[in-house]
Amino acid sequence: MVTPGFSCGVLPGIFHQTPLTKGPCTEQAVTRQDLAHCRAISVRNSPGGGIGAVLCNVKA
């Protein structure tokens, strides 16, 4: 599992820190190409929690 870092515009918060603390998770930039090769994508924020996502219109 990976999560984008602060340099990618991610705000510090519980949904960012928890996977890094509990692992296995690394912090790195995530490109559209990376997303095209993922088995699953989850979008998370504190007010809304987490939802599954589908990537559309990207050539692998």
C-alpha atoms as a PDB file:
ATOM      1  CA  MET A   1       0.000   0.000   0.000  1.00  0.00           C
ATOM      2  CA  VAL A   2       1.191   3.534  -0.721  1.00  0.00           C
ATOM      3  CA  THR A   3      -0.057   6.978   0.216  1.00  0.00           C
ATOM      4  CA  PRO A   4       1.005  10.263  -1.386  1.00  0.00           C
ATOM      5  CA  GLY A   5       3.175  12.533   0.730  1.00  0.00           C
ATOM      6  CA  PHE A   6       2.776  16.145   1.782  1.00  0.00           C
ATOM      7  CA  SER A   7       4.730  17.304  -1.283  1.00  0.00           C
ATOM      8  CA  CYS A   8       1.800  15.966  -3.373  1.00  0.00           C
ATOM      9  CA  GLY A   9      -0.677  18.212  -1.576  1.00  0.00           C
ATOM     10  CA  VAL A  10      -1.900  15.692   1.008  1.00  0.00           C
ATOM     11  CA  LEU A  11      -2.879  17.296   4.297  1.00  0.00           C
ATOM     12  CA  PRO A  12      -1.667  15.817   7.584  1.00  0.00           C
ATOM     13  CA  GLY A  13      -4.367  13.826   9.304  1.00  0.00           C
ATOM     14  CA  ILE A  14      -5.442  10.510  10.778  1.00  0.00           C
ATOM     15  CA  PHE A  15      -6.289   8.888   7.434  1.00  0.00           C
ATOM     16  CA  HIS A  16      -2.795   9.699   6.184  1.00  0.00           C
ATOM     17  CA  GLN A  17      -0.857   8.779   9.322  1.00  0.00           C
ATOM     18  CA  THR A  18      -2.626   5.571  10.418  1.00  0.00           C
ATOM     19  CA  PRO A  19      -1.612   3.361   7.453  1.00  0.00           C
ATOM     20  CA  LEU A  20       1.982   4.611   7.758  1.00  0.00           C
ATOM     21  CA  THR A  21       2.035   3.783  11.479  1.00  0.00           C
ATOM     22  CA  LYS A  22       0.281   0.416  11.297  1.00  0.00           C
ATOM     23  CA  GLY A  23       1.871  -0.609   7.958  1.00  0.00           C
ATOM     24  CA  PRO A  24       2.732  -2.036   5.618  1.00  0.00           C
ATOM     25  CA  CYS A  25       2.473   1.315   3.846  1.00  0.00           C
ATOM     26  CA  THR A  26       4.994   3.650   2.262  1.00  0.00           C
ATOM     27  CA  GLU A  27       4.792   7.307   1.366  1.00  0.00           C
ATOM     28  CA  GLN A  28       5.539   8.166  -2.273  1.00  0.00           C
ATOM     29  CA  ALA A  29       4.218  10.170  -5.205  1.00  0.00           C
ATOM     30  CA  VAL A  30       1.489   8.322  -7.120  1.00  0.00           C
ATOM     31  CA  THR A  31       1.143   8.890 -10.861  1.00  0.00           C
ATOM     32  CA  ARG A  32      -1.760   8.149 -13.207  1.00  0.00           C
ATOM     33  CA  GLN A  33       0.338   5.316 -14.599  1.00  0.00           C
ATOM     34  CA  ASP A  34       0.741   3.883 -11.082  1.00  0.00           C
ATOM     35  CA  LEU A  35      -3.024   4.032 -10.566  1.00  0.00           C
ATOM     36  CA  ALA A  36      -3.631   2.255 -13.878  1.00  0.00           C
ATOM     37  CA  HIS A  37      -1.756  -0.782 -12.494  1.00  0.00           C
ATOM     38  CA  CYS A  38      -3.416  -0.883  -9.042  1.00  0.00           C
ATOM     39  CA  ARG A  39      -5.583  -3.776  -7.871  1.00  0.00           C
ATOM     40  CA  ALA A  40      -7.664  -1.354  -5.788  1.00  0.00           C
ATOM     41  CA  ILE A  41      -7.882   2.394  -5.159  1.00  0.00           C
ATOM     42  CA  SER A  42      -9.300   3.968  -2.005  1.00  0.00           C
ATOM     43  CA  VAL A  43      -9.955   7.674  -1.533  1.00  0.00           C
ATOM     44  CA  ARG A  44     -10.140   8.811   2.090  1.00  0.00           C
ATOM     45  CA  ASN A  45     -10.751  11.932   4.135  1.00  0.00           C
ATOM     46  CA  SER A  46     -11.738  12.614   7.734  1.00  0.00           C
ATOM     47  CA  PRO A  47     -15.285  13.931   7.161  1.00  0.00           C
ATOM     48  CA  GLY A  48     -16.274  11.282   4.610  1.00  0.00           C
ATOM     49  CA  GLY A  49     -14.218   8.255   5.598  1.00  0.00           C
ATOM     50  CA  GLY A  50     -13.101   6.014   2.746  1.00  0.00           C
ATOM     51  CA  ILE A  51     -14.668   4.946  -0.529  1.00  0.00           C
ATOM     52  CA  GLY A  52     -13.528   2.719  -3.362  1.00  0.00           C
ATOM     53  CA  ALA A  53     -12.619   4.457  -6.610  1.00  0.00           C
ATOM     54  CA  VAL A  54     -12.460   3.472 -10.263  1.00  0.00           C
ATOM     55  CA  LEU A  55      -9.941   5.003 -12.646  1.00  0.00           C
ATOM     56  CA  CYS A  56     -11.396   5.876 -16.060  1.00  0.00           C
ATOM     57  CA  ASN A  57      -9.835   6.894 -19.387  1.00  0.00           C
ATOM     58  CA  VAL A  58      -6.233   6.024 -18.576  1.00  0.00           C
ATOM     59  CA  LYS A  59      -4.034   4.003 -20.908  1.00  0.00           C
ATOM     60  CA  ALA A  60      -1.810   1.584 -19.029  1.00  0.00           C
END
